[in-house]
Amino acid sequence: MSLSCDELQDVKQRLSSCIDDSTVKLRRLSEDIWSCAELAYQEHKSHDRLVEFFTQETGWKVDAHFKLPTAFRATWTPAGSNHGHVVNVGFLCEYDALPGIGHACGHNLIAEVGAAAAVGFKDVLENTQDLPVQVKVTVLGTPAEEDGGGKIDLLNEGAFDNMDVVFMAHPLQDDAPYLPLVAEHDVIIKYHGKASHASAYPWEGVNALDAAVLCYNSLSVLRQQMKPDWRVHGIIKHGGEKPNIIPAFTQLEYYLRTPSRAELLLLKSKAEGCFRAAAEATGCRVEVEYSKNAFDNILRNKTLEDLYENNGKALGMEFTTDEEVLNNASGSTDFGNVTFVVPGIHPYFYIGSKALNHTEEYTVASGDDRAQFFTLRTAKALAMTALDVLLRPELLQRVKQEFTEAKEKEERTLRGGHTEQT
């Protein structure tokens, strides 16, 4: 049976106090990760620091190098809970940085939110009598969000198996329970031609740079027929060696983004037509290499979003009502793939600065003391939302029902998109 509203509110207040009691060590954790900014799959110091953090906390079983060299897992179950159905609540930590500008996306704060929410959630449950359900708390350290998709690697390794619900939060310029992150796939296009002297006998060559330029221009022309919320953006990474040599090899790199997985199939089909037409027109050979991991769009869960927003408002959050912010798709995240396997939310939180992500100014903001109040407030809202679904089992059932229905709808759309592509 569920706790009463008064009982649940009392637990939430105690949870908030638990997180407040850990303020100093959580600030130090975030600062240490910020100070040793590491790129995707190379987050060795950040991994070790988080493993140390949870190892020093009482009651956690910590698995370093879990499934991936720089991933970890920390789990907690209360004593005597080895029987019956267990609700497995997950919190995620990210901690990779960007090349050249460090933690300009604030992943040090994502790691701090995950750690703070998990520790507060565990500490308050440890001191709560007569829980209505059995519980397990799982923290996953997930590397390589900026490049590669560490969460997808962990999904493929079964790291999210048996989780019931999962939480993380991302810093931005506003508080928002949801923003429309999009499906995305990276692609490298390589053209192989034939070198020749560009002045003496150019007719002997096959110009791979012409193919690259035709590809680039064809994709630009394609934008006329693209939906307004589709995105194709890229660069020519290699265009040749010297002006007097017909280029025998060129390479482009593109990101393809759409609001859904189904539309991504359509966009990829149209883009591949441009890739191959450029090769046909110039006599080159083309190689099309997609990255191993495609990022899915976020599968929304309004039940969780509404719970999070209510908890955030109770803590003083002022959620944005700017339609331009709420409706415009921006980036992509491998958390989208997680939401097709486990119900979850990925809210955004203000950190005391209007600096834009992926800038040097945001690097400064993510390491500033001013971000701490907002970061820990977000951790409290996440952990309180986890308490809602744990201590009110009817809410967890609603979350799972909504997840099942949303996933079935997406799968139907995906099948329709595949048919249209064929």
Protein backbone atom coordinates (compact mmCIF):
# COMPACT_ATOMS: atom_id res chain seq x y z
CA MET A 1 0.00 0.00 0.00
CA SER A 2 1.07 3.61 -0.61
CA LEU A 3 2.28 6.10 1.95
CA SER A 4 -0.07 8.94 2.80
CA CYS A 5 0.66 12.39 1.36
CA ASP A 6 1.90 13.61 4.75
CA GLU A 7 4.14 10.59 5.21
CA LEU A 8 5.58 10.99 1.70
CA GLN A 9 6.22 14.67 2.27
CA ASP A 10 8.07 13.86 5.48
CA VAL A 11 10.31 11.40 3.60
CA LYS A 12 11.02 14.02 0.94
CA GLN A 13 12.02 16.58 3.56
CA ARG A 14 14.39 14.08 5.13
CA LEU A 15 15.81 13.29 1.69
CA SER A 16 16.52 16.97 1.13
CA SER A 17 18.36 17.10 4.44
CA CYS A 18 20.41 14.03 3.51
CA ILE A 19 21.61 15.73 0.33
CA ASP A 20 22.34 18.97 2.20
CA ASP A 21 24.49 17.00 4.65
CA SER A 22 26.67 15.87 1.73
CA THR A 23 27.13 19.31 0.17
CA VAL A 24 30.87 19.61 0.78
CA LYS A 25 31.88 16.21 -0.56
CA LEU A 26 29.56 16.53 -3.56
CA ARG A 27 31.08 19.91 -4.44
CA ARG A 28 34.54 18.39 -4.18
CA LEU A 29 33.50 15.49 -6.44
CA SER A 30 32.22 17.85 -9.12
CA GLU A 31 35.30 20.06 -8.86
CA ASP A 32 37.67 17.10 -9.24
CA ILE A 33 35.89 15.88 -12.38
CA TRP A 34 35.78 19.42 -13.81
CA SER A 35 39.51 19.81 -13.18
CA CYS A 36 40.52 16.65 -15.07
CA ALA A 37 38.34 17.03 -18.18
CA GLU A 38 38.69 13.86 -20.25
CA LEU A 39 37.37 12.88 -23.67
CA ALA A 40 35.04 10.03 -24.58
CA TYR A 41 36.20 6.55 -23.52
CA GLN A 42 39.28 8.14 -21.89
CA GLU A 43 37.65 9.23 -18.61
CA HIS A 44 40.00 7.22 -16.41
CA LYS A 45 40.55 9.80 -13.64
CA SER A 46 36.86 10.71 -13.53
CA HIS A 47 35.94 7.03 -13.36
CA ASP A 48 38.39 6.44 -10.53
CA ARG A 49 37.14 9.48 -8.63
CA LEU A 50 33.52 8.37 -8.80
CA VAL A 51 34.44 4.81 -7.84
CA GLU A 52 36.31 6.24 -4.85
CA PHE A 53 33.29 8.38 -3.91
CA PHE A 54 30.85 5.47 -3.80
CA THR A 55 33.37 3.13 -2.19
CA GLN A 56 33.71 5.57 0.69
CA GLU A 57 29.91 5.78 1.11
CA THR A 58 28.54 3.08 3.40
CA GLY A 59 26.49 0.24 2.00
CA TRP A 60 27.32 0.48 -1.69
CA LYS A 61 28.66 -2.42 -3.74
CA VAL A 62 30.88 -0.88 -6.38
CA ASP A 63 31.98 -2.47 -9.66
CA ALA A 64 34.80 -0.54 -11.31
CA HIS A 65 35.36 -0.83 -15.07
CA PHE A 66 31.84 -2.21 -15.44
CA LYS A 67 31.32 -3.56 -18.99
CA LEU A 68 33.53 -0.73 -20.34
CA PRO A 69 36.97 0.43 -19.16
CA THR A 70 35.65 3.80 -17.93
CA ALA A 71 32.14 2.79 -16.82
CA PHE A 72 31.19 1.81 -13.28
CA ARG A 73 28.21 0.49 -11.35
CA ALA A 74 27.27 1.07 -7.71
CA THR A 75 24.33 -0.78 -6.16
CA TRP A 76 22.56 -0.76 -2.81
CA THR A 77 19.78 -2.91 -1.37
CA PRO A 78 18.49 -2.64 2.19
CA ALA A 79 19.25 -5.45 4.57
CA GLY A 80 16.75 -8.29 4.45
CA SER A 81 15.31 -7.42 1.02
CA ASN A 82 16.36 -10.58 -0.80
CA HIS A 83 12.84 -11.85 -1.39
CA GLY A 84 9.87 -10.83 -3.51
CA HIS A 85 9.74 -8.35 -6.39
CA VAL A 86 12.35 -5.61 -6.17
CA VAL A 87 11.89 -2.19 -7.78
CA ASN A 88 15.24 -1.25 -9.33
CA VAL A 89 15.67 2.54 -9.47
CA GLY A 90 18.55 3.82 -11.59
CA PHE A 91 20.52 7.07 -11.56
CA LEU A 92 23.06 7.92 -14.26
CA CYS A 93 26.31 9.85 -14.15
CA GLU A 94 27.99 11.32 -17.24
CA TYR A 95 31.50 12.71 -17.06
CA ASP A 96 33.14 13.03 -20.49
CA ALA A 97 34.28 16.44 -21.70
CA LEU A 98 34.75 18.23 -25.03
CA PRO A 99 38.01 18.63 -26.96
CA GLY A 100 39.72 21.94 -26.34
CA ILE A 101 37.11 23.48 -24.03
CA GLY A 102 36.76 20.94 -21.23
CA HIS A 103 33.44 20.61 -19.41
CA ALA A 104 31.63 23.07 -21.65
CA CYS A 105 28.51 20.90 -21.47
CA GLY A 106 28.60 20.54 -17.69
CA HIS A 107 28.94 16.78 -17.47
CA ASN A 108 30.74 17.22 -14.16
CA LEU A 109 27.41 18.51 -12.87
CA ILE A 110 25.53 15.57 -14.40
CA ALA A 111 27.82 13.26 -12.46
CA GLU A 112 27.22 15.27 -9.30
CA VAL A 113 23.43 15.21 -9.77
CA GLY A 114 23.44 11.44 -10.25
CA ALA A 115 25.65 10.87 -7.23
CA ALA A 116 23.72 13.29 -5.01
CA ALA A 117 20.30 11.92 -5.96
CA ALA A 118 21.41 8.32 -5.46
CA VAL A 119 23.08 8.95 -2.10
CA GLY A 120 20.17 10.99 -0.77
CA PHE A 121 17.64 8.45 -2.04
CA LYS A 122 19.53 5.55 -0.46
CA ASP A 123 20.16 7.31 2.86
CA VAL A 124 16.53 8.27 3.39
CA LEU A 125 15.23 4.82 2.45
CA GLU A 126 17.71 3.22 4.81
CA ASN A 127 16.00 5.09 7.64
CA THR A 128 12.39 4.64 6.51
CA GLN A 129 10.35 1.92 8.18
CA ASP A 130 7.76 -0.29 6.48
CA LEU A 131 8.52 0.46 2.85
CA PRO A 132 5.60 -0.67 0.67
CA VAL A 133 7.96 -2.37 -1.82
CA GLN A 134 11.39 -3.93 -1.97
CA VAL A 135 13.97 -1.63 -3.56
CA LYS A 136 17.34 -1.67 -5.24
CA VAL A 137 19.27 1.47 -6.17
CA THR A 138 21.64 1.32 -9.13
CA VAL A 139 24.06 4.04 -10.20
CA LEU A 140 25.64 3.66 -13.64
CA GLY A 141 28.63 5.70 -14.69
CA THR A 142 28.15 6.12 -18.43
CA PRO A 143 31.11 7.38 -20.48
CA ALA A 144 31.30 8.79 -23.99
CA GLU A 145 28.08 10.74 -24.44
CA GLU A 146 29.74 13.42 -26.54
CA ASP A 147 31.26 10.97 -28.97
CA GLY A 148 30.46 7.29 -29.40
CA GLY A 149 27.45 6.61 -27.19
CA GLY A 150 28.58 4.83 -24.03
CA LYS A 151 25.00 4.24 -22.88
CA ILE A 152 24.29 2.34 -26.09
CA ASP A 153 27.37 0.20 -25.48
CA LEU A 154 26.11 -0.49 -21.96
CA LEU A 155 22.61 -1.28 -23.25
CA ASN A 156 24.11 -3.81 -25.63
CA GLU A 157 26.01 -5.34 -22.70
CA GLY A 158 22.82 -5.72 -20.62
CA ALA A 159 23.72 -3.05 -18.05
CA PHE A 160 20.15 -1.72 -17.98
CA ASP A 161 18.46 -5.11 -17.71
CA ASN A 162 15.91 -5.35 -14.88
CA MET A 163 15.82 -1.62 -14.20
CA ASP A 164 12.31 -0.30 -13.58
CA VAL A 165 12.94 3.43 -13.99
CA VAL A 166 15.99 5.59 -14.65
CA PHE A 167 16.86 9.25 -14.00
CA MET A 168 19.42 11.82 -15.06
CA ALA A 169 19.46 15.59 -15.60
CA HIS A 170 21.45 17.89 -17.88
CA PRO A 171 22.55 21.50 -17.27
CA LEU A 172 21.34 24.22 -19.63
CA GLN A 173 20.16 27.86 -19.48
CA ASP A 174 16.68 27.08 -18.10
CA ASP A 175 14.79 24.59 -15.99
CA ALA A 176 12.66 22.31 -18.20
CA PRO A 177 11.17 18.87 -17.52
CA TYR A 178 11.59 17.95 -21.19
CA LEU A 179 13.17 19.32 -24.36
CA PRO A 180 12.86 17.67 -27.78
CA LEU A 181 16.19 15.97 -28.34
CA VAL A 182 16.42 14.31 -31.73
CA ALA A 183 17.52 11.05 -33.34
CA GLU A 184 20.98 11.31 -34.88
CA HIS A 185 23.48 9.22 -36.83
CA ASP A 186 27.02 10.17 -37.84
CA VAL A 187 28.30 9.20 -41.25
CA ILE A 188 31.69 9.37 -42.98
CA ILE A 189 31.76 9.47 -46.78
CA LYS A 190 35.00 8.54 -48.55
CA TYR A 191 35.65 9.02 -52.27
CA HIS A 192 38.41 7.15 -54.05
CA GLY A 193 39.63 8.48 -57.38
CA LYS A 194 42.94 8.43 -59.23
CA ALA A 195 45.88 10.80 -58.82
CA SER A 196 47.44 12.55 -61.79
CA HIS A 197 49.36 15.72 -62.58
CA ALA A 198 46.72 18.44 -62.51
CA SER A 199 48.38 20.52 -65.25
CA ALA A 200 50.35 18.10 -67.45
CA TYR A 201 47.74 15.33 -67.90
CA PRO A 202 44.62 15.90 -65.81
CA TRP A 203 42.63 13.64 -68.13
CA GLU A 204 44.45 10.69 -66.62
CA GLY A 205 43.04 11.44 -63.18
CA VAL A 206 39.73 10.80 -61.45
CA ASN A 207 39.03 13.75 -59.17
CA ALA A 208 37.83 12.71 -55.72
CA LEU A 209 37.57 16.36 -54.65
CA ASP A 210 35.00 16.96 -57.37
CA ALA A 211 33.00 14.10 -55.86
CA ALA A 212 33.26 15.61 -52.38
CA VAL A 213 32.18 19.05 -53.63
CA LEU A 214 29.27 17.56 -55.58
CA CYS A 215 28.21 15.62 -52.48
CA TYR A 216 28.41 18.74 -50.32
CA ASN A 217 26.42 20.80 -52.81
CA SER A 218 23.86 18.05 -53.40
CA LEU A 219 23.16 17.85 -49.67
CA SER A 220 22.79 21.62 -49.57
CA VAL A 221 20.28 21.45 -52.44
CA LEU A 222 18.45 18.62 -50.67
CA ARG A 223 17.61 21.05 -47.85
CA GLN A 224 14.87 22.52 -50.06
CA GLN A 225 13.00 19.23 -49.75
CA MET A 226 13.84 18.57 -46.12
CA LYS A 227 11.31 19.01 -43.34
CA PRO A 228 11.92 22.13 -41.23
CA ASP A 229 13.04 20.12 -38.21
CA TRP A 230 15.49 17.88 -40.12
CA ARG A 231 19.17 18.74 -39.85
CA VAL A 232 22.13 17.80 -42.07
CA HIS A 233 25.45 19.39 -41.21
CA GLY A 234 29.01 18.40 -42.01
CA ILE A 235 32.51 19.20 -43.19
CA ILE A 236 35.08 18.12 -45.75
CA LYS A 237 37.75 16.60 -43.50
CA HIS A 238 40.21 15.78 -46.27
CA GLY A 239 40.26 17.48 -49.66
CA GLY A 240 43.54 16.45 -51.26
CA GLU A 241 47.29 16.85 -50.91
CA LYS A 242 48.50 19.61 -53.28
CA PRO A 243 46.94 21.81 -55.95
CA ASN A 244 49.00 20.20 -58.71
CA ILE A 245 47.83 16.68 -57.87
CA ILE A 246 44.38 15.47 -58.87
CA PRO A 247 42.99 14.34 -55.48
CA ALA A 248 42.76 10.55 -55.30
CA PHE A 249 41.02 10.55 -51.91
CA THR A 250 38.61 12.83 -50.07
CA GLN A 251 36.54 12.43 -46.93
CA LEU A 252 33.47 14.16 -45.53
CA GLU A 253 31.84 13.81 -42.13
CA TYR A 254 28.15 14.54 -41.59
CA TYR A 255 25.60 14.38 -38.80
CA LEU A 256 22.02 13.52 -39.78
CA ARG A 257 19.28 14.48 -37.31
CA THR A 258 15.49 14.15 -37.25
CA PRO A 259 12.83 14.28 -34.50
CA SER A 260 12.24 10.51 -34.64
CA ARG A 261 13.90 7.24 -35.55
CA ALA A 262 11.38 6.70 -38.36
CA GLU A 263 12.18 10.02 -40.03
CA LEU A 264 15.90 9.33 -39.67
CA LEU A 265 15.48 6.31 -41.94
CA LEU A 266 13.94 8.55 -44.61
CA LEU A 267 16.63 11.22 -44.29
CA LYS A 268 19.41 8.63 -44.50
CA SER A 269 17.90 7.23 -47.69
CA LYS A 270 17.78 10.69 -49.31
CA ALA A 271 21.31 11.56 -48.16
CA GLU A 272 22.74 8.30 -49.48
CA GLY A 273 21.34 9.21 -52.89
CA CYS A 274 23.52 12.33 -52.78
CA PHE A 275 26.57 10.35 -51.64
CA ARG A 276 26.31 7.84 -54.49
CA ALA A 277 25.24 10.27 -57.21
CA ALA A 278 28.43 12.29 -56.67
CA ALA A 279 30.50 9.14 -57.14
CA GLU A 280 28.60 8.18 -60.28
CA ALA A 281 29.01 11.65 -61.79
CA THR A 282 32.78 11.76 -61.27
CA GLY A 283 33.72 8.12 -61.80
CA CYS A 284 34.89 7.71 -58.20
CA ARG A 285 34.32 4.84 -55.83
CA VAL A 286 32.43 5.74 -52.65
CA GLU A 287 32.47 4.25 -49.16
CA VAL A 288 29.68 5.17 -46.72
CA GLU A 289 30.51 4.39 -43.10
CA TYR A 290 27.95 5.05 -40.37
CA SER A 291 29.05 5.24 -36.75
CA LYS A 292 28.41 2.08 -34.78
CA ASN A 293 25.82 3.78 -32.57
CA ALA A 294 22.83 5.82 -33.74
CA PHE A 295 21.23 8.05 -31.09
CA ASP A 296 17.46 7.71 -30.68
CA ASN A 297 15.04 10.49 -29.84
CA ILE A 298 13.75 10.69 -26.27
CA LEU A 299 10.69 8.53 -25.63
CA ARG A 300 8.68 10.85 -23.43
CA ASN A 301 7.04 9.83 -20.18
CA LYS A 302 4.61 12.57 -19.16
CA THR A 303 3.85 10.91 -15.84
CA LEU A 304 7.48 11.19 -14.77
CA GLU A 305 7.82 14.67 -16.27
CA ASP A 306 4.81 15.95 -14.34
CA LEU A 307 6.04 14.44 -11.09
CA TYR A 308 9.47 16.00 -11.60
CA GLU A 309 7.96 19.40 -12.39
CA ASN A 310 5.78 19.29 -9.27
CA ASN A 311 8.77 18.40 -7.10
CA GLY A 312 10.88 21.07 -8.76
CA LYS A 313 8.28 23.76 -8.20
CA ALA A 314 8.04 22.77 -4.54
CA LEU A 315 11.79 23.38 -4.34
CA GLY A 316 11.51 26.79 -6.00
CA MET A 317 12.30 25.97 -9.63
CA GLU A 318 10.80 28.30 -12.22
CA PHE A 319 10.31 26.22 -15.33
CA THR A 320 10.60 27.97 -18.68
CA THR A 321 7.42 28.74 -20.60
CA ASP A 322 9.29 30.05 -23.66
CA GLU A 323 7.75 28.21 -26.62
CA GLU A 324 10.89 28.69 -28.68
CA VAL A 325 12.90 26.83 -26.05
CA LEU A 326 10.29 24.14 -25.41
CA ASN A 327 9.48 23.30 -29.04
CA ASN A 328 12.73 23.67 -30.92
CA ALA A 329 14.80 20.51 -31.27
CA SER A 330 18.47 20.94 -30.48
CA GLY A 331 21.04 18.25 -29.85
CA SER A 332 21.03 14.51 -29.38
CA THR A 333 21.90 12.14 -26.55
CA ASP A 334 22.43 8.43 -26.10
CA PHE A 335 19.96 8.64 -23.20
CA GLY A 336 17.31 8.52 -25.92
CA ASN A 337 18.23 4.89 -26.57
CA VAL A 338 17.85 4.14 -22.87
CA THR A 339 14.28 5.49 -22.86
CA PHE A 340 13.24 2.84 -25.39
CA VAL A 341 14.34 0.13 -22.93
CA VAL A 342 13.57 1.63 -19.49
CA PRO A 343 11.10 4.39 -18.58
CA GLY A 344 13.06 7.51 -17.72
CA ILE A 345 13.40 11.28 -17.84
CA HIS A 346 16.16 13.65 -18.90
CA PRO A 347 15.17 17.12 -17.56
CA TYR A 348 17.30 20.23 -17.91
CA PHE A 349 18.38 22.59 -15.16
CA TYR A 350 19.57 26.16 -14.84
CA ILE A 351 23.01 26.58 -13.23
CA GLY A 352 23.03 30.31 -12.51
CA SER A 353 24.33 31.38 -15.92
CA LYS A 354 22.87 32.16 -19.33
CA ALA A 355 26.09 31.13 -21.07
CA LEU A 356 25.52 28.72 -23.96
CA ASN A 357 26.60 25.09 -23.83
CA HIS A 358 29.73 24.10 -25.77
CA THR A 359 31.37 27.48 -25.19
CA GLU A 360 34.30 28.51 -23.02
CA GLU A 361 31.89 30.61 -20.95
CA TYR A 362 29.89 27.50 -20.09
CA THR A 363 33.06 25.71 -19.04
CA VAL A 364 33.62 28.46 -16.49
CA ALA A 365 29.98 28.37 -15.37
CA SER A 366 29.96 24.59 -14.86
CA GLY A 367 32.92 24.89 -12.49
CA ASP A 368 31.63 27.92 -10.61
CA ASP A 369 30.36 27.76 -7.03
CA ARG A 370 27.13 29.42 -8.16
CA ALA A 371 26.14 26.25 -10.00
CA GLN A 372 26.08 24.22 -6.79
CA PHE A 373 22.76 25.38 -5.36
CA PHE A 374 20.96 24.66 -8.63
CA THR A 375 22.71 21.34 -9.15
CA LEU A 376 21.81 19.97 -5.73
CA ARG A 377 18.26 21.31 -6.03
CA THR A 378 17.94 19.30 -9.23
CA ALA A 379 19.29 16.21 -7.50
CA LYS A 380 16.62 16.63 -4.82
CA ALA A 381 13.86 16.94 -7.45
CA LEU A 382 15.07 13.80 -9.23
CA ALA A 383 15.32 11.79 -6.03
CA MET A 384 11.89 13.02 -4.86
CA THR A 385 10.43 11.88 -8.18
CA ALA A 386 12.02 8.49 -7.60
CA LEU A 387 10.40 8.43 -4.15
CA ASP A 388 7.01 9.15 -5.73
CA VAL A 389 7.14 6.14 -8.03
CA LEU A 390 8.66 3.88 -5.38
CA LEU A 391 6.41 4.76 -2.45
CA ARG A 392 3.23 5.11 -4.50
CA PRO A 393 3.17 1.85 -6.50
CA GLU A 394 0.15 2.96 -8.54
CA LEU A 395 2.34 5.70 -10.05
CA LEU A 396 4.98 3.20 -11.10
CA GLN A 397 2.28 1.17 -12.84
CA ARG A 398 1.12 4.31 -14.63
CA VAL A 399 4.71 5.08 -15.68
CA LYS A 400 5.16 1.58 -17.08
CA GLN A 401 1.81 1.62 -18.88
CA GLU A 402 2.62 4.93 -20.54
CA PHE A 403 6.05 3.60 -21.50
CA THR A 404 4.56 0.50 -23.13
CA GLU A 405 1.99 2.50 -25.09
CA ALA A 406 4.51 5.13 -26.24
CA LYS A 407 6.98 2.47 -27.33
CA GLU A 408 4.33 0.56 -29.30
CA LYS A 409 3.31 3.79 -31.04
CA GLU A 410 6.93 4.54 -31.97
CA GLU A 411 7.44 1.01 -33.27
CA ARG A 412 4.36 1.32 -35.50
CA THR A 413 5.69 4.62 -36.84
CA LEU A 414 9.10 3.08 -37.39
CA ARG A 415 7.61 0.21 -39.38
CA GLY A 416 5.67 2.73 -41.45
CA GLY A 417 8.82 4.74 -42.10
CA HIS A 418 10.66 1.62 -43.19
CA THR A 419 7.86 0.77 -45.62
CA GLU A 420 7.94 4.29 -47.07
CA GLN A 421 11.74 4.13 -47.43
CA THR A 422 11.51 0.77 -49.22
